[in-house]
Protein backbone atom coordinates (compact mmCIF):
# COMPACT_ATOMS: atom_id res chain seq x y z
CA UNK A 1 -18.63 1.95 8.33
CA UNK A 2 -21.21 -0.86 8.31
CA UNK A 3 -19.03 -2.83 5.91
CA UNK A 4 -16.02 -2.27 8.17
CA UNK A 5 -17.94 -3.58 11.22
CA UNK A 6 -19.04 -6.68 9.31
CA UNK A 7 -15.45 -7.27 8.21
CA UNK A 8 -14.27 -7.00 11.81
CA UNK A 9 -16.89 -9.51 12.95
CA UNK A 10 -15.85 -11.97 10.30
CA UNK A 11 -12.17 -11.46 11.06
CA UNK A 12 -12.65 -11.97 14.79
CA UNK A 13 -14.65 -15.14 14.14
CA UNK A 14 -11.70 -16.53 12.22
CA UNK A 15 -9.07 -15.74 14.83
CA UNK A 16 -9.36 -18.97 16.80
CA UNK A 17 -9.03 -21.11 13.70
CA UNK A 18 -6.13 -19.05 12.44
CA UNK A 19 -4.22 -19.24 15.71
CA UNK A 20 -4.53 -23.02 15.64
CA UNK A 21 -3.42 -23.05 12.04
CA UNK A 22 -0.36 -20.92 12.81
CA UNK A 23 0.89 -23.68 15.10
CA UNK A 24 0.82 -26.18 12.27
CA UNK A 25 3.43 -26.51 9.61
CA UNK A 26 2.20 -24.76 6.51
CA UNK A 27 3.41 -24.66 2.96
CA UNK A 28 5.01 -21.30 2.26
CA UNK A 29 2.85 -19.14 0.02
CA UNK A 30 5.34 -16.76 -1.52
CA UNK A 31 2.63 -14.86 -3.40
CA UNK A 32 1.05 -14.02 -0.05
CA UNK A 33 4.42 -12.99 1.34
CA UNK A 34 4.88 -10.54 -1.55
CA UNK A 35 1.44 -9.10 -0.75
CA UNK A 36 2.72 -8.24 2.73
CA UNK A 37 4.52 -5.34 1.02
CA UNK A 38 2.22 -2.82 -0.66
CA UNK A 39 3.70 -1.49 -3.88
CA UNK A 40 4.37 2.25 -3.71
CA UNK A 41 5.39 4.15 -6.80
CA UNK A 42 8.02 6.83 -6.21
CA UNK A 43 7.13 9.29 -8.98
CA UNK A 44 9.61 11.27 -11.01
CA UNK A 45 10.50 14.23 -8.77
CA UNK A 46 9.42 17.79 -9.37
CA UNK A 47 12.74 19.37 -10.24
CA UNK A 48 11.43 22.91 -10.55
CA UNK A 49 14.23 25.24 -9.53
CA UNK A 50 16.91 22.56 -9.95
CA UNK A 51 19.57 23.52 -12.48
CA UNK A 52 20.74 21.22 -15.25
CA UNK A 53 23.89 20.69 -13.19
CA UNK A 54 21.77 19.66 -10.23
CA UNK A 55 19.79 17.19 -12.34
CA UNK A 56 23.04 15.62 -13.53
CA UNK A 57 24.21 15.36 -9.92
CA UNK A 58 21.01 13.50 -9.02
CA UNK A 59 21.55 11.08 -11.91
CA UNK A 60 25.10 10.39 -10.73
CA UNK A 61 23.91 9.90 -7.15
CA UNK A 62 21.53 7.20 -8.33
CA UNK A 63 24.25 5.42 -10.29
CA UNK A 64 26.48 5.46 -7.21
CA UNK A 65 23.59 4.04 -5.18
CA UNK A 66 23.26 1.13 -7.62
CA UNK A 67 26.87 0.17 -6.93
CA UNK A 68 26.11 0.27 -3.20
CA UNK A 69 23.27 -2.15 -3.88
CA UNK A 70 25.69 -4.62 -5.46
CA UNK A 71 28.03 -4.40 -2.45
CA UNK A 72 25.18 -5.04 -0.05
CA UNK A 73 24.11 -8.22 -1.85
CA UNK A 74 27.66 -9.51 -1.37
CA UNK A 75 27.69 -8.51 2.30
CA UNK A 76 24.36 -10.02 3.18
CA UNK A 77 23.94 -13.04 0.92
CA UNK A 78 26.63 -13.53 -1.71
CA UNK A 79 25.97 -14.09 -5.41
CA UNK A 80 22.73 -12.30 -6.29
CA UNK A 81 22.56 -13.42 -9.90
CA UNK A 82 23.16 -17.06 -9.09
CA UNK A 83 20.28 -16.98 -6.62
CA UNK A 84 17.85 -15.27 -8.97
CA UNK A 85 18.80 -17.50 -11.90
CA UNK A 86 18.02 -20.57 -9.78
CA UNK A 87 14.42 -19.46 -9.22
CA UNK A 88 11.66 -20.16 -11.74
CA UNK A 89 8.64 -18.56 -10.08
CA UNK A 90 8.35 -14.77 -10.53
CA UNK A 91 7.04 -14.37 -6.96
CA UNK A 92 10.10 -16.14 -5.55
CA UNK A 93 12.44 -13.89 -7.53
CA UNK A 94 10.55 -10.79 -6.45
CA UNK A 95 10.51 -11.78 -2.78
CA UNK A 96 14.22 -12.63 -2.93
CA UNK A 97 14.84 -9.13 -4.29
CA UNK A 98 12.69 -7.56 -1.56
CA UNK A 99 14.63 -9.44 1.12
CA UNK A 100 18.06 -9.43 -0.58
CA UNK A 101 18.31 -13.17 -0.23
CA UNK A 102 16.32 -16.30 0.66
CA UNK A 103 15.52 -15.26 4.25
CA UNK A 104 12.36 -13.47 5.22
CA UNK A 105 13.19 -10.17 6.92
CA UNK A 106 10.17 -10.57 9.18
CA UNK A 107 11.14 -13.82 10.88
CA UNK A 108 14.65 -14.60 9.59
CA UNK A 109 13.50 -18.00 8.29
CA UNK A 110 14.17 -19.19 4.73
CA UNK A 111 11.18 -18.88 2.40
CA UNK A 112 12.95 -21.00 -0.24
CA UNK A 113 13.62 -24.71 -0.04
CA UNK A 114 17.17 -25.98 0.49
CA UNK A 115 18.29 -22.99 2.56
CA UNK A 116 19.24 -23.10 6.22
CA UNK A 117 18.17 -20.34 8.66
CA UNK A 118 19.89 -17.03 8.11
CA UNK A 119 23.45 -17.04 9.50
CA UNK A 120 23.97 -14.54 12.30
CA UNK A 121 27.34 -13.64 10.79
CA UNK A 122 25.96 -12.84 7.29
CA UNK A 123 29.07 -12.66 5.05
CA UNK A 124 31.14 -10.62 7.50
CA UNK A 125 32.93 -13.57 9.12
CA UNK A 126 34.08 -17.07 8.11
CA UNK A 127 31.27 -19.58 8.48
CA UNK A 128 33.47 -21.84 10.60
CA UNK A 129 34.70 -19.12 12.97
CA UNK A 130 33.64 -19.40 16.59
CA UNK A 131 32.99 -16.50 18.93
CA UNK A 132 35.78 -17.70 21.19
CA UNK A 133 38.25 -17.72 18.30
CA UNK A 134 37.34 -14.14 17.41
CA UNK A 135 37.53 -12.91 21.00
CA UNK A 136 40.95 -14.46 21.60
CA UNK A 137 42.39 -13.12 18.33
CA UNK A 138 44.75 -10.21 19.01
CA UNK A 139 44.20 -7.81 16.14
CA UNK A 140 42.80 -4.28 16.68
CA UNK A 141 41.37 -4.08 13.15
CA UNK A 142 38.95 -6.91 13.89
CA UNK A 143 36.66 -4.48 15.75
CA UNK A 144 36.46 -1.94 12.96
CA UNK A 145 32.97 -1.59 11.46
CA UNK A 146 34.70 -1.57 8.07
CA UNK A 147 36.61 -4.86 7.94
CA UNK A 148 35.60 -8.32 6.80
CA UNK A 149 37.12 -11.26 8.66
CA UNK A 150 38.51 -13.99 6.42
CA UNK A 151 40.80 -17.02 6.59
CA UNK A 152 44.41 -16.62 5.48
CA UNK A 153 46.11 -19.42 3.56
CA UNK A 154 47.41 -20.90 6.80
CA UNK A 155 43.90 -20.96 8.27
CA UNK A 156 44.41 -18.03 10.64
CA UNK A 157 42.01 -15.09 10.77
CA UNK A 158 42.82 -11.91 8.89
CA UNK A 159 40.99 -8.58 8.46
CA UNK A 160 40.24 -7.25 4.99
CA UNK A 161 39.21 -3.61 4.73
CA UNK A 162 36.00 -2.89 2.88
CA UNK A 163 37.79 -0.71 0.34
CA UNK A 164 39.92 -3.73 -0.63
CA UNK A 165 37.15 -6.33 -0.44
CA UNK A 166 34.81 -4.35 -2.70
CA UNK A 167 37.47 -2.52 -4.70
CA UNK A 168 35.71 -2.63 -8.09
CA UNK A 169 32.42 -1.30 -6.78
CA UNK A 170 34.16 1.31 -4.62
CA UNK A 171 36.11 2.55 -7.63
CA UNK A 172 32.87 2.91 -9.59
CA UNK A 173 31.22 4.85 -6.74
CA UNK A 174 34.24 7.11 -6.48
CA UNK A 175 33.99 7.81 -10.21
CA UNK A 176 30.34 8.83 -10.00
CA UNK A 177 30.95 11.02 -6.96
CA UNK A 178 33.97 12.65 -8.58
CA UNK A 179 31.91 13.55 -11.66
CA UNK A 180 29.18 14.90 -9.40
CA UNK A 181 31.77 16.99 -7.55
CA UNK A 182 32.99 18.38 -10.87
CA UNK A 183 29.44 19.24 -11.99
CA UNK A 184 27.88 20.73 -8.85
CA UNK A 185 27.74 24.48 -8.43
CA UNK A 186 27.52 24.18 -4.63
CA UNK A 187 30.92 24.39 -2.85
CA UNK A 188 29.53 22.58 0.21
CA UNK A 189 28.33 19.68 -1.95
CA UNK A 190 31.67 19.45 -3.71
CA UNK A 191 33.47 19.44 -0.36
CA UNK A 192 31.26 16.64 0.95
CA UNK A 193 31.65 14.51 -2.15
CA UNK A 194 35.43 14.83 -2.16
CA UNK A 195 35.61 13.93 1.52
CA UNK A 196 33.32 10.96 0.91
CA UNK A 197 35.59 9.75 -1.89
CA UNK A 198 38.50 9.89 0.52
CA UNK A 199 36.46 8.04 3.13
CA UNK A 200 35.59 5.27 0.68
CA UNK A 201 39.26 4.89 -0.20
CA UNK A 202 40.43 4.67 3.41
CA UNK A 203 37.40 3.49 5.39
CA UNK A 204 37.77 6.57 7.58
CA UNK A 205 34.58 8.64 7.48
CA UNK A 206 35.25 11.22 10.17
CA UNK A 207 35.89 14.10 7.75
CA UNK A 208 33.10 13.13 5.34
CA UNK A 209 30.62 12.98 8.22
CA UNK A 210 31.65 16.45 9.28
CA UNK A 211 31.38 17.77 5.71
CA UNK A 212 27.95 16.18 5.38
CA UNK A 213 26.69 17.99 8.49
CA UNK A 214 28.05 21.26 7.09
CA UNK A 215 26.28 20.77 3.73
CA UNK A 216 23.15 22.77 4.55
CA UNK A 217 22.50 24.81 1.40
CA UNK A 218 21.73 22.06 -1.10
CA UNK A 219 18.23 21.10 -2.23
CA UNK A 220 19.47 17.53 -2.61
CA UNK A 221 21.10 15.13 -0.20
CA UNK A 222 23.02 11.89 -0.50
CA UNK A 223 23.54 9.40 2.31
CA UNK A 224 25.92 6.69 1.17
CA UNK A 225 28.40 4.14 2.47
CA UNK A 226 28.67 1.57 5.25
CA UNK A 227 26.36 3.07 7.84
CA UNK A 228 24.77 0.87 10.53
CA UNK A 229 25.62 -2.58 11.96
CA UNK A 230 22.12 -3.89 11.25
CA UNK A 231 23.07 -7.30 9.80
CA UNK A 232 25.91 -8.40 12.06
CA UNK A 233 23.94 -10.52 14.51
CA UNK A 234 27.10 -12.18 15.79
CA UNK A 235 28.82 -9.19 17.41
CA UNK A 236 26.87 -6.12 16.22
CA UNK A 237 30.02 -4.54 14.80
CA UNK A 238 30.16 -4.68 11.00
CA UNK A 239 28.42 -1.92 9.06
CA UNK A 240 26.13 -2.59 6.12
CA UNK A 241 26.24 -0.54 2.92
CA UNK A 242 23.25 1.57 2.04
CA UNK A 243 22.29 4.74 0.18
CA UNK A 244 19.53 7.35 0.04
CA UNK A 245 19.05 9.91 -2.72
CA UNK A 246 16.89 12.71 -1.31
CA UNK A 247 15.21 15.94 -2.36
CA UNK A 248 14.66 18.53 0.34
CA UNK A 249 11.31 20.08 1.21
CA UNK A 250 12.61 23.58 1.84
CA UNK A 251 9.54 25.05 3.54
CA UNK A 252 9.10 22.19 5.99
CA UNK A 253 12.85 21.98 6.62
CA UNK A 254 12.79 25.59 7.78
CA UNK A 255 9.96 24.72 10.16
CA UNK A 256 11.74 21.67 11.54
CA UNK A 257 15.10 23.35 11.93
CA UNK A 258 13.59 25.60 14.58
CA UNK A 259 13.85 22.49 16.76
CA UNK A 260 17.62 22.25 16.25
CA UNK A 261 18.23 25.13 18.65
CA UNK A 262 16.38 23.17 21.33
CA UNK A 263 18.39 19.91 21.17
CA UNK A 264 20.18 20.68 24.45
CA UNK A 265 16.82 21.49 26.05
CA UNK A 266 15.43 18.13 24.96
CA UNK A 267 18.45 16.41 26.46
CA UNK A 268 17.59 17.97 29.83
CA UNK A 269 13.96 16.83 29.52
CA UNK A 270 14.88 13.14 29.44
CA UNK A 271 13.42 10.93 32.16
CA UNK A 272 15.40 9.25 34.93
CA UNK A 273 18.57 10.12 36.79
CA UNK A 274 20.41 13.06 35.12
CA UNK A 275 23.69 11.30 35.90
CA UNK A 276 22.81 8.78 33.20
CA UNK A 277 22.41 11.32 30.40
CA UNK A 278 25.19 13.83 30.82
CA UNK A 279 26.00 13.64 27.07
CA UNK A 280 26.07 17.05 25.38
CA UNK A 281 24.91 16.86 21.73
CA UNK A 282 27.12 18.57 19.16
CA UNK A 283 26.21 22.08 18.10
CA UNK A 284 25.94 21.35 14.36
CA UNK A 285 22.82 19.19 14.64
CA UNK A 286 20.13 19.98 12.09
CA UNK A 287 16.82 18.61 10.78
CA UNK A 288 15.80 18.18 7.15
CA UNK A 289 12.46 17.32 5.62
CA UNK A 290 12.98 15.32 2.41
CA UNK A 291 11.29 13.10 -0.12
CA UNK A 292 13.04 9.83 -0.88
CA UNK A 293 13.87 9.61 -4.59
CA UNK A 294 15.83 6.36 -4.45
CA UNK A 295 17.31 3.99 -1.92
CA UNK A 296 19.54 0.95 -2.17
CA UNK A 297 21.42 -1.60 -0.14
CA UNK A 298 20.23 -2.30 3.39
CA UNK A 299 18.03 0.82 3.31
CA UNK A 300 15.93 -0.88 0.62
CA UNK A 301 15.80 -4.34 2.22
CA UNK A 302 12.51 -5.52 3.70
CA UNK A 303 10.47 -2.88 5.50
CA UNK A 304 11.35 0.76 4.95
CA UNK A 305 12.36 3.31 7.55
CA UNK A 306 10.64 6.69 7.64
CA UNK A 307 13.41 8.81 9.07
CA UNK A 308 17.09 8.66 9.92
CA UNK A 309 19.50 10.27 12.34
CA UNK A 310 23.14 10.06 11.26
CA UNK A 311 26.10 9.84 11.53
CA UNK A 312 26.01 6.70 13.66
CA UNK A 313 29.54 7.34 14.95
CA UNK A 314 29.33 8.38 18.64
CA UNK A 315 32.48 10.52 18.45
CA UNK A 316 31.11 12.53 15.52
CA UNK A 317 27.81 12.98 17.37
CA UNK A 318 29.70 14.39 20.33
CA UNK A 319 31.99 16.68 18.32
CA UNK A 320 29.59 17.96 15.67
CA UNK A 321 26.08 16.61 16.24
CA UNK A 322 23.70 14.72 13.98
CA UNK A 323 21.42 15.30 11.03
CA UNK A 324 17.83 14.18 11.37
CA UNK A 325 16.09 13.56 8.05
CA UNK A 326 12.34 12.99 7.93
CA UNK A 327 11.02 11.18 4.85
CA UNK A 328 7.79 13.03 4.07
CA UNK A 329 6.57 10.87 1.21
CA UNK A 330 7.27 7.60 3.02
CA UNK A 331 5.55 8.77 6.22
CA UNK A 332 2.46 9.67 4.19
CA UNK A 333 2.36 6.27 2.49
CA UNK A 334 2.97 4.32 5.69
CA UNK A 335 0.24 6.09 7.63
CA UNK A 336 -2.38 5.59 4.93
CA UNK A 337 -1.47 2.02 4.01
CA UNK A 338 -0.48 0.51 7.35
CA UNK A 339 -0.86 2.67 10.48
CA UNK A 340 -4.47 3.83 10.11
CA UNK A 341 -5.73 0.46 8.79
CA UNK A 342 -4.13 -1.26 11.80
CA UNK A 343 -6.00 1.15 14.07
CA UNK A 344 -9.26 0.38 12.24
CA UNK A 345 -8.74 -3.36 12.63
CA UNK A 346 -7.42 -3.61 16.19
CA UNK A 347 -8.44 -0.54 18.23
CA UNK A 348 -11.69 -0.15 20.09
CA UNK A 349 -13.81 2.36 18.14
CA UNK A 350 -13.63 5.05 20.81
CA UNK A 351 -9.90 5.49 20.13
CA UNK A 352 -10.03 5.72 16.32
CA UNK A 353 -10.55 9.52 16.18
CA UNK A 354 -7.24 9.89 17.99
CA UNK A 355 -5.20 8.04 15.33
CA UNK A 356 -3.82 11.15 13.70
CA UNK A 357 -1.63 11.65 10.62
CA UNK A 358 -0.01 14.82 11.99
CA UNK A 359 0.73 13.14 15.31
CA UNK A 360 2.36 10.28 13.41
CA UNK A 361 4.56 12.70 11.48
CA UNK A 362 5.75 14.46 14.63
CA UNK A 363 6.28 11.18 16.45
CA UNK A 364 8.75 10.28 13.72
CA UNK A 365 10.41 13.70 13.99
CA UNK A 366 10.99 13.30 17.71
CA UNK A 367 11.97 9.63 17.42
CA UNK A 368 14.78 10.62 15.08
CA UNK A 369 15.80 13.55 17.28
CA UNK A 370 15.92 11.13 20.22
CA UNK A 371 18.56 9.05 18.45
CA UNK A 372 20.99 11.91 19.02
CA UNK A 373 20.06 12.25 22.71
CA UNK A 374 20.65 10.23 25.85
CA UNK A 375 24.05 8.70 26.43
CA UNK A 376 26.71 7.69 23.94
CA UNK A 377 29.65 7.02 26.25
CA UNK A 378 29.32 4.75 29.28
CA UNK A 379 29.73 6.46 32.64
CA UNK A 380 31.86 3.67 34.12
CA UNK A 381 34.78 3.51 31.70
CA UNK A 382 33.48 0.75 29.43
CA UNK A 383 33.86 2.81 26.27
CA UNK A 384 31.02 3.73 23.95
CA UNK A 385 27.61 2.19 24.47
CA UNK A 386 27.91 0.49 21.08
CA UNK A 387 31.20 -1.13 22.07
CA UNK A 388 30.07 -2.18 25.53
CA UNK A 389 26.67 -3.63 24.59
CA UNK A 390 27.77 -5.18 21.31
CA UNK A 391 24.98 -7.10 19.59
CA UNK A 392 22.37 -5.77 22.02
CA UNK A 393 23.32 -2.10 21.52
CA UNK A 394 21.22 -1.40 18.44
CA UNK A 395 18.08 -3.02 19.87
CA UNK A 396 18.32 -0.95 23.06
CA UNK A 397 19.05 2.21 21.08
CA UNK A 398 16.09 1.75 18.73
CA UNK A 399 13.73 1.03 21.61
CA UNK A 400 15.05 4.05 23.51
CA UNK A 401 14.58 6.33 20.50
CA UNK A 402 11.00 5.16 19.98
CA UNK A 403 10.06 5.65 23.64
CA UNK A 404 11.92 8.92 24.23
CA UNK A 405 10.59 10.31 20.95
CA UNK A 406 7.01 9.67 22.08
CA UNK A 407 7.80 11.01 25.56
CA UNK A 408 9.10 14.31 24.14
CA UNK A 409 6.41 14.60 21.46
CA UNK A 410 3.62 14.18 23.99
CA UNK A 411 5.06 16.91 26.19
CA UNK A 412 5.45 19.27 23.24
CA UNK A 413 1.87 18.61 22.12
CA UNK A 414 0.52 19.15 25.64
CA UNK A 415 2.23 22.55 25.88
CA UNK A 416 1.20 23.53 22.31
CA UNK A 417 4.77 23.84 21.07
CA UNK A 418 4.16 21.84 17.90
CA UNK A 419 2.75 23.75 14.87
CA UNK A 420 -0.10 21.27 14.28
CA UNK A 421 -3.54 20.67 15.78
CA UNK A 422 -3.32 17.58 17.94
CA UNK A 423 -2.87 16.83 21.62
CA UNK A 424 -1.29 14.38 24.00
CA UNK A 425 -4.03 11.77 23.50
CA UNK A 426 -3.41 11.77 19.74
CA UNK A 427 0.31 11.28 20.34
CA UNK A 428 -0.19 8.37 22.74
CA UNK A 429 -2.89 6.67 20.64
CA UNK A 430 -0.94 6.95 17.42
CA UNK A 431 2.22 5.76 19.17
CA UNK A 432 0.46 2.65 20.50
CA UNK A 433 -1.01 1.84 17.07
CA UNK A 434 2.37 2.28 15.42
CA UNK A 435 4.01 -0.05 17.95
CA UNK A 436 1.29 -2.67 17.40
CA UNK A 437 1.81 -2.31 13.65
CA UNK A 438 5.57 -2.56 13.93
CA UNK A 439 5.46 -5.77 15.96
CA UNK A 440 4.68 -7.45 12.63
CA UNK A 441 8.27 -6.76 11.59
CA UNK A 442 9.21 -9.76 13.73
CA UNK A 443 12.38 -10.45 15.66
CA UNK A 444 14.72 -11.02 12.74
CA UNK A 445 16.56 -7.72 13.15
CA UNK A 446 17.09 -5.00 15.80
CA UNK A 447 14.17 -2.83 14.63
CA UNK A 448 11.66 -5.64 15.06
CA UNK A 449 13.14 -6.72 18.39
CA UNK A 450 12.95 -3.14 19.68
CA UNK A 451 9.29 -2.80 18.72
CA UNK A 452 8.40 -6.07 20.47
CA UNK A 453 10.27 -4.94 23.58
CA UNK A 454 8.21 -1.73 23.76
CA UNK A 455 4.95 -3.56 22.95
CA UNK A 456 5.47 -6.16 25.68
CA UNK A 457 6.39 -3.49 28.21
CA UNK A 458 3.12 -1.67 27.49
CA UNK A 459 1.15 -4.90 27.84
CA UNK A 460 2.82 -6.04 31.05
CA UNK A 461 2.23 -2.64 32.63
CA UNK A 462 -1.46 -2.62 31.61
CA UNK A 463 -0.98 0.46 29.46
CA UNK A 464 -2.78 -1.35 26.65
CA UNK A 465 -5.31 -4.12 27.16
CA UNK A 466 -7.06 -6.66 24.95
CA UNK A 467 -10.82 -6.39 25.66
CA UNK A 468 -13.54 -9.03 25.44
CA UNK A 469 -14.63 -7.74 22.03
CA UNK A 470 -11.25 -8.48 20.51
CA UNK A 471 -9.84 -4.95 20.43
CA UNK A 472 -7.14 -2.96 22.17
CA UNK A 473 -8.00 -0.32 24.74
CA UNK A 474 -5.53 2.27 26.00
CA UNK A 475 -5.03 3.54 29.52
CA UNK A 476 -3.47 6.94 28.83
CA UNK A 477 -2.14 7.53 32.34
CA UNK A 478 -0.43 4.14 32.43
CA UNK A 479 0.89 4.61 28.89
CA UNK A 480 2.48 7.89 29.91
CA UNK A 481 3.99 6.35 33.04
CA UNK A 482 5.28 3.40 30.98
CA UNK A 483 7.02 5.75 28.56
CA UNK A 484 8.68 7.62 31.40
CA UNK A 485 9.78 4.47 33.26
CA UNK A 486 10.89 2.49 30.19
CA UNK A 487 12.75 5.50 28.78
CA UNK A 488 14.63 5.93 32.07
CA UNK A 489 15.42 2.20 32.23
CA UNK A 490 16.82 2.07 28.71
CA UNK A 491 19.00 5.16 29.22
CA UNK A 492 20.31 3.68 32.47
CA UNK A 493 21.12 0.39 30.74
CA UNK A 494 23.03 2.31 28.08
CA UNK A 495 24.89 4.46 30.62
CA UNK A 496 26.03 1.50 32.72
CA UNK A 497 26.25 -0.93 29.78
CA UNK A 498 25.88 -4.02 31.91
CA UNK A 499 25.67 -6.62 29.15
CA UNK A 500 24.07 -9.24 31.39
CA UNK A 501 21.35 -6.82 32.45
CA UNK A 502 20.73 -5.79 28.84
CA UNK A 503 20.33 -9.43 27.80
CA UNK A 504 18.03 -10.14 30.73
CA UNK A 505 15.88 -7.13 29.80
CA UNK A 506 15.61 -8.31 26.21
CA UNK A 507 14.80 -11.86 27.27
CA UNK A 508 12.01 -10.57 29.51
CA UNK A 509 10.42 -8.09 27.09
CA UNK A 510 11.83 -8.86 23.65
CA UNK A 511 10.11 -12.18 22.88
CA UNK A 512 7.11 -12.50 20.56
CA UNK A 513 4.19 -14.55 21.91
CA UNK A 514 0.86 -15.94 20.76
CA UNK A 515 -0.79 -12.52 21.06
CA UNK A 516 1.55 -11.19 18.37
CA UNK A 517 0.54 -14.03 16.06
CA UNK A 518 -3.15 -13.33 16.69
CA UNK A 519 -2.75 -9.68 15.69
CA UNK A 520 -0.87 -10.67 12.58
CA UNK A 521 -3.56 -13.12 11.51
CA UNK A 522 -6.31 -10.53 12.02
CA UNK A 523 -4.42 -7.96 9.96
CA UNK A 524 -3.58 -10.54 7.31
CA UNK A 525 -7.26 -11.43 6.93
CA UNK A 526 -8.19 -7.74 6.80
CA UNK A 527 -5.70 -7.27 3.95
CA UNK A 528 -3.48 -4.82 5.85
CA UNK A 529 0.08 -5.05 4.48
CA UNK A 530 3.02 -5.37 6.82
CA UNK A 531 4.90 -2.60 5.05
CA UNK A 532 5.65 -1.10 1.65
CA UNK A 533 8.05 -1.65 -1.24
CA UNK A 534 9.12 0.78 -3.92
CA UNK A 535 9.09 1.09 -7.67
CA UNK A 536 10.64 4.14 -9.29
CA UNK A 537 9.51 6.25 -12.23
């Protein structure tokens, strides 16, 4: 402890110098950038109880995921091999692989010379296309999440479906999934894989999403395909390819699935005007606890998520529900390597006992549950929230899920309805630390923007304060009120989908300031990584 105090004193003494330095143009140290991501080894899984057929299915899943990785490079950057071959320094190659291109996922800026800032359109649209040209173009396929927009020979715009644009890779994925369908002994797995093959061929995933939600009896899971519009910063429409290969924790899944029967109850517990969250979640919602065995595509790019709630499609959520998957091994690594060290470095000592690993786990559980709650369809005839809010939709949704997840988790802890020993103060403290940690993700994508929005809201409402000793203090009453008010605001913005209001909200709360840079410099000096990266055994 004495050594930790001395380190804090030294770090705080350096803050002023570091803040000044951050304003000056500095040479990019790519080796330091790589160190922002702690290397985590994903060990070979314990396949006790998995048949030889099941092991072969897992192998085929991983091969399919590798093809997804190749598609994602094309979507996000272009020619992967040409980029890597042009780099001589090992650190530059490694950081390009971490970021899937020459742009830092934390700030969106190029970390390699001779590259412009990251294009908002990625490789989804022509580089010379204007927003006005797209909006005036009369073609219904342009708004599909699964089309690229390209120039025809005459210079006009034309849509190209993903299954045509990436035909070779799609064919390879279909082959692996077909072999897995032939090998598996689980009828539900075979049904899902065959429906996914059809979805990949047609870019229609309604039936495969349904089959995935019905696949409850397998020890393994595969999430694959174009999933979320995380990289389309122009319109927030086009979906990026990603994949997860997962192994279920059966005992913990049984524990978590007890929450599935309460999804409708959680919907009624949401803050704000009930008229803004009349959505009724589908009855097939379920919750899995899994270890990540492998991930690829956008799911492997930059910082790693610790839970998912899919399908993203609002219509499927309404008809059938969602599946929440909690990544046990990633949560464990993130807490030990980033969350708790951030608390040690930035919290006043009195709050450290309340930074709790179990509270962190359940915060993630409820955050992912919250993604399936709230409102999916606007209440004023503007279509789905995703359609109406466009590029701002994902930021608002991620912020809402974070806030509502903490709001529900705190209530469950206070009423002792969570099978773990922690209380409301542990939930609120751990939530605040996780938000402070996640601000380091920057504003380069919707996840980072959402974290900064929540962080700034807490600061501006005096829920968290920066004391004279250079640490954060937490006002628990104001933090609770901030969660309730911000959660209600975000749900209302989604329900009404007033794009101007959404943009104004983001402009007010979603901007990083000098305080963010100060935190980052302190944590950098203390050797706390921003996030983790994977190697597989």
